[in-house]
Amino acid sequence: MLYISIFDAKEGISIEAINREREEWYKKGKDKTFQKMCKTIDRYEVVGKSPLKIIFIIETDNVQALNVLSRHFGDKWISTTYPALRREIFEAMEEDRSIIGG
């Protein structure tokens, strides 16, 4: 299943605090654990956004992977995760026509 996770740094959280949190993630080996649980993980940062906004596109059959991510980063981030489908624009238009008509 494909998921889109959006992480917004909480107001007042410093970049130093975020970096400490990231270092802890690596020291505990959570990066390797998380990677094993996922088929693919893509990470994007929104440029020029303050506070920091990060978007993950995660493909996994193990929903526990989403818990690993949100629990570790939960103190300094507001996160929302959505299940998603990968579809071409043409496919979406065809489905809309079949539902709405026209």
PDB file of N, CA and C in Angstrom:
ATOM      1  N   MET A   1       0.849  -1.171   0.000  1.00  0.00           N
ATOM      2  CA  MET A   1       0.000   0.000   0.000  1.00  0.00           C
ATOM      3  C   MET A   1       0.894   1.234   0.000  1.00  0.00           C
ATOM      4  N   LEU A   2       0.404   2.255  -0.635  1.00  0.00           N
ATOM      5  CA  LEU A   2       1.133   3.518  -0.737  1.00  0.00           C
ATOM      6  C   LEU A   2       0.557   4.510   0.274  1.00  0.00           C
ATOM      7  N   TYR A   3       1.439   5.239   0.952  1.00  0.00           N
ATOM      8  CA  TYR A   3       1.027   6.233   1.942  1.00  0.00           C
ATOM      9  C   TYR A   3       1.764   7.539   1.702  1.00  0.00           C
ATOM     10  N   ILE A   4       1.087   8.635   1.973  1.00  0.00           N
ATOM     11  CA  ILE A   4       1.703   9.957   1.960  1.00  0.00           C
ATOM     12  C   ILE A   4       1.665  10.461   3.395  1.00  0.00           C
ATOM     13  N   SER A   5       2.839  10.736   3.950  1.00  0.00           N
ATOM     14  CA  SER A   5       2.948  11.258   5.317  1.00  0.00           C
ATOM     15  C   SER A   5       3.487  12.675   5.254  1.00  0.00           C
ATOM     16  N   ILE A   6       2.783  13.580   5.903  1.00  0.00           N
ATOM     17  CA  ILE A   6       3.182  14.985   5.929  1.00  0.00           C
ATOM     18  C   ILE A   6       3.548  15.339   7.366  1.00  0.00           C
ATOM     19  N   PHE A   7       4.762  15.823   7.538  1.00  0.00           N
ATOM     20  CA  PHE A   7       5.276  16.202   8.853  1.00  0.00           C
ATOM     21  C   PHE A   7       5.547  17.696   8.867  1.00  0.00           C
ATOM     22  N   ASP A   8       4.878  18.408   9.764  1.00  0.00           N
ATOM     23  CA  ASP A   8       5.099  19.841   9.967  1.00  0.00           C
ATOM     24  C   ASP A   8       5.775  20.022  11.319  1.00  0.00           C
ATOM     25  N   ALA A   9       6.945  20.662  11.315  1.00  0.00           N
ATOM     26  CA  ALA A   9       7.618  20.939  12.588  1.00  0.00           C
ATOM     27  C   ALA A   9       6.719  21.849  13.424  1.00  0.00           C
ATOM     28  N   LYS A  10       6.625  21.550  14.702  1.00  0.00           N
ATOM     29  CA  LYS A  10       5.805  22.374  15.588  1.00  0.00           C
ATOM     30  C   LYS A  10       6.438  23.752  15.734  1.00  0.00           C
ATOM     31  N   GLU A  11       5.602  24.750  15.950  1.00  0.00           N
ATOM     32  CA  GLU A  11       6.079  26.126  16.142  1.00  0.00           C
ATOM     33  C   GLU A  11       7.075  26.168  17.295  1.00  0.00           C
ATOM     34  N   GLY A  12       8.128  26.919  17.114  1.00  0.00           N
ATOM     35  CA  GLY A  12       9.105  27.118  18.173  1.00  0.00           C
ATOM     36  C   GLY A  12      10.163  26.031  18.292  1.00  0.00           C
ATOM     37  N   ILE A  13      10.081  24.994  17.469  1.00  0.00           N
ATOM     38  CA  ILE A  13      11.093  23.931  17.502  1.00  0.00           C
ATOM     39  C   ILE A  13      12.294  24.385  16.679  1.00  0.00           C
ATOM     40  N   SER A  14      13.462  24.347  17.289  1.00  0.00           N
ATOM     41  CA  SER A  14      14.674  24.812  16.602  1.00  0.00           C
ATOM     42  C   SER A  14      15.219  23.735  15.668  1.00  0.00           C
ATOM     43  N   ILE A  15      15.991  24.165  14.692  1.00  0.00           N
ATOM     44  CA  ILE A  15      16.639  23.228  13.779  1.00  0.00           C
ATOM     45  C   ILE A  15      17.624  22.346  14.546  1.00  0.00           C
ATOM     46  N   GLU A  16      18.205  22.882  15.617  1.00  0.00           N
ATOM     47  CA  GLU A  16      19.118  22.089  16.445  1.00  0.00           C
ATOM     48  C   GLU A  16      18.378  20.928  17.109  1.00  0.00           C
ATOM     49  N   ALA A  17      17.172  21.194  17.612  1.00  0.00           N
ATOM     50  CA  ALA A  17      16.368  20.140  18.238  1.00  0.00           C
ATOM     51  C   ALA A  17      15.980  19.081  17.210  1.00  0.00           C
ATOM     52  N   ILE A  18      15.652  19.517  16.010  1.00  0.00           N
ATOM     53  CA  ILE A  18      15.311  18.580  14.936  1.00  0.00           C
ATOM     54  C   ILE A  18      16.526  17.725  14.585  1.00  0.00           C
ATOM     55  N   ASN A  19      17.690  18.348  14.501  1.00  0.00           N
ATOM     56  CA  ASN A  19      18.908  17.594  14.180  1.00  0.00           C
ATOM     57  C   ASN A  19      19.262  16.587  15.273  1.00  0.00           C
ATOM     58  N   ARG A  20      19.063  16.949  16.543  1.00  0.00           N
ATOM     59  CA  ARG A  20      19.304  16.004  17.642  1.00  0.00           C
ATOM     60  C   ARG A  20      18.367  14.800  17.522  1.00  0.00           C
ATOM     61  N   GLU A  21      17.125  15.081  17.174  1.00  0.00           N
ATOM     62  CA  GLU A  21      16.136  14.019  17.009  1.00  0.00           C
ATOM     63  C   GLU A  21      16.536  13.074  15.871  1.00  0.00           C
ATOM     64  N   ARG A  22      17.030  13.638  14.779  1.00  0.00           N
ATOM     65  CA  ARG A  22      17.493  12.828  13.644  1.00  0.00           C
ATOM     66  C   ARG A  22      18.690  11.967  14.046  1.00  0.00           C
ATOM     67  N   GLU A  23      19.637  12.556  14.787  1.00  0.00           N
ATOM     68  CA  GLU A  23      20.808  11.802  15.241  1.00  0.00           C
ATOM     69  C   GLU A  23      20.391  10.619  16.113  1.00  0.00           C
ATOM     70  N   GLU A  24      19.417  10.852  16.985  1.00  0.00           N
ATOM     71  CA  GLU A  24      18.914   9.784  17.847  1.00  0.00           C
ATOM     72  C   GLU A  24      18.303   8.665  17.004  1.00  0.00           C
ATOM     73  N   TRP A  25      17.583   9.016  15.952  1.00  0.00           N
ATOM     74  CA  TRP A  25      16.968   8.061  15.023  1.00  0.00           C
ATOM     75  C   TRP A  25      18.036   7.115  14.466  1.00  0.00           C
ATOM     76  N   TYR A  26      19.157   7.694  14.026  1.00  0.00           N
ATOM     77  CA  TYR A  26      20.244   6.892  13.455  1.00  0.00           C
ATOM     78  C   TYR A  26      20.994   6.094  14.514  1.00  0.00           C
ATOM     79  N   LYS A  27      21.246   6.706  15.674  1.00  0.00           N
ATOM     80  CA  LYS A  27      21.972   6.008  16.746  1.00  0.00           C
ATOM     81  C   LYS A  27      21.217   4.768  17.217  1.00  0.00           C
ATOM     82  N   LYS A  28      19.889   4.858  17.251  1.00  0.00           N
ATOM     83  CA  LYS A  28      19.064   3.726  17.685  1.00  0.00           C
ATOM     84  C   LYS A  28      18.848   2.707  16.568  1.00  0.00           C
ATOM     85  N   GLY A  29      19.342   3.004  15.363  1.00  0.00           N
ATOM     86  CA  GLY A  29      19.190   2.079  14.239  1.00  0.00           C
ATOM     87  C   GLY A  29      17.793   2.028  13.662  1.00  0.00           C
ATOM     88  N   LYS A  30      16.988   3.034  13.990  1.00  0.00           N
ATOM     89  CA  LYS A  30      15.609   3.028  13.511  1.00  0.00           C
ATOM     90  C   LYS A  30      15.528   3.206  11.998  1.00  0.00           C
ATOM     91  N   ASP A  31      16.535   3.842  11.417  1.00  0.00           N
ATOM     92  CA  ASP A  31      16.545   4.007   9.964  1.00  0.00           C
ATOM     93  C   ASP A  31      16.582   2.642   9.278  1.00  0.00           C
ATOM     94  N   LYS A  32      17.397   1.733   9.781  1.00  0.00           N
ATOM     95  CA  LYS A  32      17.505   0.394   9.192  1.00  0.00           C
ATOM     96  C   LYS A  32      16.228  -0.408   9.431  1.00  0.00           C
ATOM     97  N   THR A  33      15.688  -0.306  10.641  1.00  0.00           N
ATOM     98  CA  THR A  33      14.431  -0.987  10.955  1.00  0.00           C
ATOM     99  C   THR A  33      13.327  -0.500  10.033  1.00  0.00           C
ATOM    100  N   PHE A  34      13.233   0.807   9.868  1.00  0.00           N
ATOM    101  CA  PHE A  34      12.200   1.407   9.029  1.00  0.00           C
ATOM    102  C   PHE A  34      12.367   0.974   7.574  1.00  0.00           C
ATOM    103  N   GLN A  35      13.596   0.988   7.079  1.00  0.00           N
ATOM    104  CA  GLN A  35      13.855   0.596   5.691  1.00  0.00           C
ATOM    105  C   GLN A  35      13.472  -0.853   5.432  1.00  0.00           C
ATOM    106  N   LYS A  36      13.702  -1.733   6.403  1.00  0.00           N
ATOM    107  CA  LYS A  36      13.335  -3.143   6.248  1.00  0.00           C
ATOM    108  C   LYS A  36      11.820  -3.326   6.176  1.00  0.00           C
ATOM    109  N   MET A  37      11.084  -2.430   6.810  1.00  0.00           N
ATOM    110  CA  MET A  37       9.630  -2.540   6.852  1.00  0.00           C
ATOM    111  C   MET A  37       8.959  -1.986   5.592  1.00  0.00           C
ATOM    112  N   CYS A  38       9.711  -1.267   4.788  1.00  0.00           N
ATOM    113  CA  CYS A  38       9.132  -0.571   3.638  1.00  0.00           C
ATOM    114  C   CYS A  38       9.713  -1.083   2.327  1.00  0.00           C
ATOM    115  N   LYS A  39       8.880  -1.070   1.288  1.00  0.00           N
ATOM    116  CA  LYS A  39       9.365  -1.392  -0.057  1.00  0.00           C
ATOM    117  C   LYS A  39      10.126  -0.201  -0.621  1.00  0.00           C
ATOM    118  N   THR A  40       9.549   0.988  -0.490  1.00  0.00           N
ATOM    119  CA  THR A  40      10.210   2.220  -0.929  1.00  0.00           C
ATOM    120  C   THR A  40       9.875   3.346   0.039  1.00  0.00           C
ATOM    121  N   ILE A  41      10.815   4.289   0.148  1.00  0.00           N
ATOM    122  CA  ILE A  41      10.620   5.490   0.959  1.00  0.00           C
ATOM    123  C   ILE A  41      11.235   6.647   0.185  1.00  0.00           C
ATOM    124  N   ASP A  42      10.433   7.648  -0.107  1.00  0.00           N
ATOM    125  CA  ASP A  42      10.939   8.866  -0.738  1.00  0.00           C
ATOM    126  C   ASP A  42      10.653  10.024   0.208  1.00  0.00           C
ATOM    127  N   ARG A  43      11.636  10.892   0.393  1.00  0.00           N
ATOM    128  CA  ARG A  43      11.523  12.012   1.327  1.00  0.00           C
ATOM    129  C   ARG A  43      11.699  13.315   0.573  1.00  0.00           C
ATOM    130  N   TYR A  44      10.810  14.266   0.830  1.00  0.00           N
ATOM    131  CA  TYR A  44      10.850  15.574   0.185  1.00  0.00           C
ATOM    132  C   TYR A  44      10.713  16.656   1.247  1.00  0.00           C
ATOM    133  N   GLU A  45      11.415  17.772   1.054  1.00  0.00           N
ATOM    134  CA  GLU A  45      11.257  18.944   1.918  1.00  0.00           C
ATOM    135  C   GLU A  45      10.649  20.059   1.088  1.00  0.00           C
ATOM    136  N   VAL A  46       9.713  20.777   1.681  1.00  0.00           N
ATOM    137  CA  VAL A  46       9.137  21.945   1.024  1.00  0.00           C
ATOM    138  C   VAL A  46      10.130  23.087   1.201  1.00  0.00           C
ATOM    139  N   VAL A  47      10.599  23.640   0.100  1.00  0.00           N
ATOM    140  CA  VAL A  47      11.631  24.677   0.111  1.00  0.00           C
ATOM    141  C   VAL A  47      11.041  26.003   0.588  1.00  0.00           C
ATOM    142  N   GLY A  48      11.767  26.661   1.487  1.00  0.00           N
ATOM    143  CA  GLY A  48      11.370  27.983   1.958  1.00  0.00           C
ATOM    144  C   GLY A  48      10.240  27.983   2.962  1.00  0.00           C
ATOM    145  N   LYS A  49       9.845  26.821   3.453  1.00  0.00           N
ATOM    146  CA  LYS A  49       8.739  26.716   4.411  1.00  0.00           C
ATOM    147  C   LYS A  49       9.295  26.786   5.824  1.00  0.00           C
ATOM    148  N   SER A  50       8.711  27.648   6.632  1.00  0.00           N
ATOM    149  CA  SER A  50       9.094  27.727   8.026  1.00  0.00           C
ATOM    150  C   SER A  50       7.822  27.761   8.863  1.00  0.00           C
ATOM    151  N   PRO A  51       7.627  26.867   9.806  1.00  0.00           N
ATOM    152  CA  PRO A  51       8.555  25.814  10.188  1.00  0.00           C
ATOM    153  C   PRO A  51       8.680  24.745   9.093  1.00  0.00           C
ATOM    154  N   LEU A  52       9.676  23.902   9.239  1.00  0.00           N
ATOM    155  CA  LEU A  52      10.023  22.877   8.268  1.00  0.00           C
ATOM    156  C   LEU A  52       8.845  21.951   7.980  1.00  0.00           C
ATOM    157  N   LYS A  53       8.661  21.609   6.706  1.00  0.00           N
ATOM    158  CA  LYS A  53       7.627  20.656   6.285  1.00  0.00           C
ATOM    159  C   LYS A  53       8.309  19.568   5.467  1.00  0.00           C
ATOM    160  N   ILE A  54       8.068  18.311   5.846  1.00  0.00           N
ATOM    161  CA  ILE A  54       8.640  17.164   5.157  1.00  0.00           C
ATOM    162  C   ILE A  54       7.507  16.257   4.706  1.00  0.00           C
ATOM    163  N   ILE A  55       7.645  15.739   3.487  1.00  0.00           N
ATOM    164  CA  ILE A  55       6.651  14.829   2.925  1.00  0.00           C
ATOM    165  C   ILE A  55       7.349  13.517   2.592  1.00  0.00           C
ATOM    166  N   PHE A  56       6.780  12.426   3.082  1.00  0.00           N
ATOM    167  CA  PHE A  56       7.281  11.090   2.775  1.00  0.00           C
ATOM    168  C   PHE A  56       6.268  10.382   1.886  1.00  0.00           C
ATOM    169  N   ILE A  57       6.758   9.708   0.858  1.00  0.00           N
ATOM    170  CA  ILE A  57       5.949   8.794   0.065  1.00  0.00           C
ATOM    171  C   ILE A  57       6.478   7.407   0.427  1.00  0.00           C
ATOM    172  N   ILE A  58       5.630   6.612   1.054  1.00  0.00           N
ATOM    173  CA  ILE A  58       6.054   5.332   1.619  1.00  0.00           C
ATOM    174  C   ILE A  58       5.228   4.208   1.004  1.00  0.00           C
ATOM    175  N   GLU A  59       5.908   3.183   0.522  1.00  0.00           N
ATOM    176  CA  GLU A  59       5.216   1.989   0.057  1.00  0.00           C
ATOM    177  C   GLU A  59       5.556   0.863   1.022  1.00  0.00           C
ATOM    178  N   THR A  60       4.522   0.319   1.658  1.00  0.00           N
ATOM    179  CA  THR A  60       4.728  -0.749   2.640  1.00  0.00           C
ATOM    180  C   THR A  60       3.462  -1.586   2.773  1.00  0.00           C
ATOM    181  N   ASP A  61       3.654  -2.837   3.125  1.00  0.00           N
ATOM    182  CA  ASP A  61       2.535  -3.706   3.482  1.00  0.00           C
ATOM    183  C   ASP A  61       2.436  -3.838   4.996  1.00  0.00           C
ATOM    184  N   ASN A  62       3.355  -3.192   5.703  1.00  0.00           N
ATOM    185  CA  ASN A  62       3.431  -3.269   7.156  1.00  0.00           C
ATOM    186  C   ASN A  62       3.070  -1.900   7.750  1.00  0.00           C
ATOM    187  N   VAL A  63       1.829  -1.749   8.181  1.00  0.00           N
ATOM    188  CA  VAL A  63       1.394  -0.447   8.707  1.00  0.00           C
ATOM    189  C   VAL A  63       2.131  -0.064   9.991  1.00  0.00           C
ATOM    190  N   GLN A  64       2.775  -1.029  10.634  1.00  0.00           N
ATOM    191  CA  GLN A  64       3.582  -0.727  11.818  1.00  0.00           C
ATOM    192  C   GLN A  64       4.706   0.245  11.472  1.00  0.00           C
ATOM    193  N   ALA A  65       5.151   0.236  10.217  1.00  0.00           N
ATOM    194  CA  ALA A  65       6.203   1.164   9.775  1.00  0.00           C
ATOM    195  C   ALA A  65       5.766   2.606   9.990  1.00  0.00           C
ATOM    196  N   LEU A  66       4.500   2.884   9.760  1.00  0.00           N
ATOM    197  CA  LEU A  66       3.985   4.242   9.946  1.00  0.00           C
ATOM    198  C   LEU A  66       4.033   4.632  11.419  1.00  0.00           C
ATOM    199  N   ASN A  67       3.777   3.675  12.302  1.00  0.00           N
ATOM    200  CA  ASN A  67       3.871   3.919  13.747  1.00  0.00           C
ATOM    201  C   ASN A  67       5.297   4.217  14.166  1.00  0.00           C
ATOM    202  N   VAL A  68       6.255   3.460  13.627  1.00  0.00           N
ATOM    203  CA  VAL A  68       7.669   3.672  13.961  1.00  0.00           C
ATOM    204  C   VAL A  68       8.057   5.107  13.641  1.00  0.00           C
ATOM    205  N   LEU A  69       7.652   5.578  12.479  1.00  0.00           N
ATOM    206  CA  LEU A  69       7.995   6.931  12.037  1.00  0.00           C
ATOM    207  C   LEU A  69       7.310   7.994  12.891  1.00  0.00           C
ATOM    208  N   SER A  70       5.999   7.883  13.054  1.00  0.00           N
ATOM    209  CA  SER A  70       5.261   8.938  13.761  1.00  0.00           C
ATOM    210  C   SER A  70       5.547   8.957  15.263  1.00  0.00           C
ATOM    211  N   ARG A  71       5.797   7.807  15.871  1.00  0.00           N
ATOM    212  CA  ARG A  71       6.090   7.783  17.313  1.00  0.00           C
ATOM    213  C   ARG A  71       7.443   8.405  17.626  1.00  0.00           C
ATOM    214  N   HIS A  72       8.450   8.108  16.813  1.00  0.00           N
ATOM    215  CA  HIS A  72       9.774   8.668  17.092  1.00  0.00           C
ATOM    216  C   HIS A  72       9.773  10.182  16.926  1.00  0.00           C
ATOM    217  N   PHE A  73       9.125  10.664  15.885  1.00  0.00           N
ATOM    218  CA  PHE A  73       9.174  12.095  15.583  1.00  0.00           C
ATOM    219  C   PHE A  73       7.962  12.858  16.126  1.00  0.00           C
ATOM    220  N   GLY A  74       7.140  12.206  16.924  1.00  0.00           N
ATOM    221  CA  GLY A  74       5.898  12.802  17.398  1.00  0.00           C
ATOM    222  C   GLY A  74       6.031  13.998  18.320  1.00  0.00           C
ATOM    223  N   ASP A  75       7.137  14.107  19.062  1.00  0.00           N
ATOM    224  CA  ASP A  75       7.286  15.199  20.023  1.00  0.00           C
ATOM    225  C   ASP A  75       7.482  16.559  19.364  1.00  0.00           C
ATOM    226  N   LYS A  76       8.133  16.575  18.239  1.00  0.00           N
ATOM    227  CA  LYS A  76       8.497  17.850  17.616  1.00  0.00           C
ATOM    228  C   LYS A  76       7.756  18.123  16.311  1.00  0.00           C
ATOM    229  N   TRP A  77       6.916  17.182  15.910  1.00  0.00           N
ATOM    230  CA  TRP A  77       6.239  17.299  14.618  1.00  0.00           C
ATOM    231  C   TRP A  77       4.745  17.037  14.754  1.00  0.00           C
ATOM    232  N   ILE A  78       3.986  17.675  13.899  1.00  0.00           N
ATOM    233  CA  ILE A  78       2.572  17.343  13.710  1.00  0.00           C
ATOM    234  C   ILE A  78       2.538  16.538  12.422  1.00  0.00           C
ATOM    235  N   SER A  79       2.055  15.302  12.503  1.00  0.00           N
ATOM    236  CA  SER A  79       2.082  14.454  11.312  1.00  0.00           C
ATOM    237  C   SER A  79       0.696  13.938  10.961  1.00  0.00           C
ATOM    238  N   THR A  80       0.486  13.800   9.666  1.00  0.00           N
ATOM    239  CA  THR A  80      -0.742  13.236   9.130  1.00  0.00           C
ATOM    240  C   THR A  80      -0.351  12.280   8.017  1.00  0.00           C
ATOM    241  N   THR A  81      -0.951  11.095   8.016  1.00  0.00           N
ATOM    242  CA  THR A  81      -0.654  10.101   6.989  1.00  0.00           C
ATOM    243  C   THR A  81      -1.940   9.701   6.285  1.00  0.00           C
ATOM    244  N   TYR A  82      -1.855   9.616   4.960  1.00  0.00           N
ATOM    245  CA  TYR A  82      -2.998   9.260   4.127  1.00  0.00           C
ATOM    246  C   TYR A  82      -2.660   8.043   3.274  1.00  0.00           C
ATOM    247  N   PRO A  83      -3.590   7.086   3.144  1.00  0.00           N
ATOM    248  CA  PRO A  83      -3.392   6.042   2.142  1.00  0.00           C
ATOM    249  C   PRO A  83      -3.577   6.683   0.762  1.00  0.00           C
ATOM    250  N   ALA A  84      -2.864   6.183  -0.223  1.00  0.00           N
ATOM    251  CA  ALA A  84      -2.920   6.806  -1.543  1.00  0.00           C
ATOM    252  C   ALA A  84      -2.900   5.741  -2.638  1.00  0.00           C
ATOM    253  N   LEU A  85      -3.346   6.143  -3.812  1.00  0.00           N
ATOM    254  CA  LEU A  85      -3.280   5.318  -5.016  1.00  0.00           C
ATOM    255  C   LEU A  85      -2.468   6.052  -6.058  1.00  0.00           C
ATOM    256  N   ARG A  86      -1.647   5.328  -6.776  1.00  0.00           N
ATOM    257  CA  ARG A  86      -0.896   5.915  -7.883  1.00  0.00           C
ATOM    258  C   ARG A  86      -1.738   5.725  -9.141  1.00  0.00           C
ATOM    259  N   ARG A  87      -2.161   6.846  -9.733  1.00  0.00           N
ATOM    260  CA  ARG A  87      -2.957   6.788 -10.962  1.00  0.00           C
ATOM    261  C   ARG A  87      -2.494   7.873 -11.913  1.00  0.00           C
ATOM    262  N   GLU A  88      -2.550   7.556 -13.181  1.00  0.00           N
ATOM    263  CA  GLU A  88      -2.272   8.550 -14.208  1.00  0.00           C
ATOM    264  C   GLU A  88      -3.452   9.512 -14.291  1.00  0.00           C
ATOM    265  N   ILE A  89      -3.207  10.706 -14.773  1.00  0.00           N
ATOM    266  CA  ILE A  89      -4.279  11.698 -14.907  1.00  0.00           C
ATOM    267  C   ILE A  89      -5.398  11.156 -15.782  1.00  0.00           C
ATOM    268  N   PHE A  90      -5.049  10.476 -16.862  1.00  0.00           N
ATOM    269  CA  PHE A  90      -6.048   9.915 -17.766  1.00  0.00           C
ATOM    270  C   PHE A  90      -6.963   8.939 -17.028  1.00  0.00           C
ATOM    271  N   GLU A  91      -6.388   8.091 -16.168  1.00  0.00           N
ATOM    272  CA  GLU A  91      -7.187   7.132 -15.406  1.00  0.00           C
ATOM    273  C   GLU A  91      -8.160   7.844 -14.476  1.00  0.00           C
ATOM    274  N   ALA A  92      -7.711   8.889 -13.828  1.00  0.00           N
ATOM    275  CA  ALA A  92      -8.579   9.652 -12.928  1.00  0.00           C
ATOM    276  C   ALA A  92      -9.716  10.304 -13.705  1.00  0.00           C
ATOM    277  N   MET A  93      -9.406  10.843 -14.886  1.00  0.00           N
ATOM    278  CA  MET A  93     -10.443  11.483 -15.708  1.00  0.00           C
ATOM    279  C   MET A  93     -11.476  10.456 -16.152  1.00  0.00           C
ATOM    280  N   GLU A  94     -11.030   9.274 -16.564  1.00  0.00           N
ATOM    281  CA  GLU A  94     -11.953   8.217 -16.987  1.00  0.00           C
ATOM    282  C   GLU A  94     -12.862   7.799 -15.837  1.00  0.00           C
ATOM    283  N   GLU A  95     -12.298   7.646 -14.654  1.00  0.00           N
ATOM    284  CA  GLU A  95     -13.109   7.259 -13.506  1.00  0.00           C
ATOM    285  C   GLU A  95     -14.108   8.354 -13.157  1.00  0.00           C
ATOM    286  N   ASP A  96     -13.672   9.609 -13.200  1.00  0.00           N
ATOM    287  CA  ASP A  96     -14.586  10.721 -12.923  1.00  0.00           C
ATOM    288  C   ASP A  96     -15.743  10.723 -13.909  1.00  0.00           C
ATOM    289  N   ARG A  97     -15.456  10.469 -15.179  1.00  0.00           N
ATOM    290  CA  ARG A  97     -16.522  10.433 -16.195  1.00  0.00           C
ATOM    291  C   ARG A  97     -17.504   9.303 -15.925  1.00  0.00           C
ATOM    292  N   SER A  98     -16.997   8.157 -15.488  1.00  0.00           N
ATOM    293  CA  SER A  98     -17.892   7.026 -15.241  1.00  0.00           C
ATOM    294  C   SER A  98     -18.775   7.280 -14.021  1.00  0.00           C
ATOM    295  N   ILE A  99     -18.286   8.053 -13.071  1.00  0.00           N
ATOM    296  CA  ILE A  99     -19.067   8.350 -11.869  1.00  0.00           C
ATOM    297  C   ILE A  99     -20.017   9.516 -12.109  1.00  0.00           C
ATOM    298  N   ILE A 100     -19.502  10.593 -12.698  1.00  0.00           N
ATOM    299  CA  ILE A 100     -20.270  11.823 -12.879  1.00  0.00           C
ATOM    300  C   ILE A 100     -21.064  11.802 -14.176  1.00  0.00           C
ATOM    301  N   GLY A 101     -20.509  11.179 -15.182  1.00  0.00           N
ATOM    302  CA  GLY A 101     -21.139  11.167 -16.506  1.00  0.00           C
ATOM    303  C   GLY A 101     -20.514  12.220 -17.394  1.00  0.00           C
ATOM    304  N   GLY A 102     -20.790  12.113 -18.692  1.00  0.00           N
ATOM    305  CA  GLY A 102     -20.279  13.122 -19.624  1.00  0.00           C
ATOM    306  C   GLY A 102     -19.206  12.583 -20.402  1.00  0.00           C
TER     307      GLY A 102
END
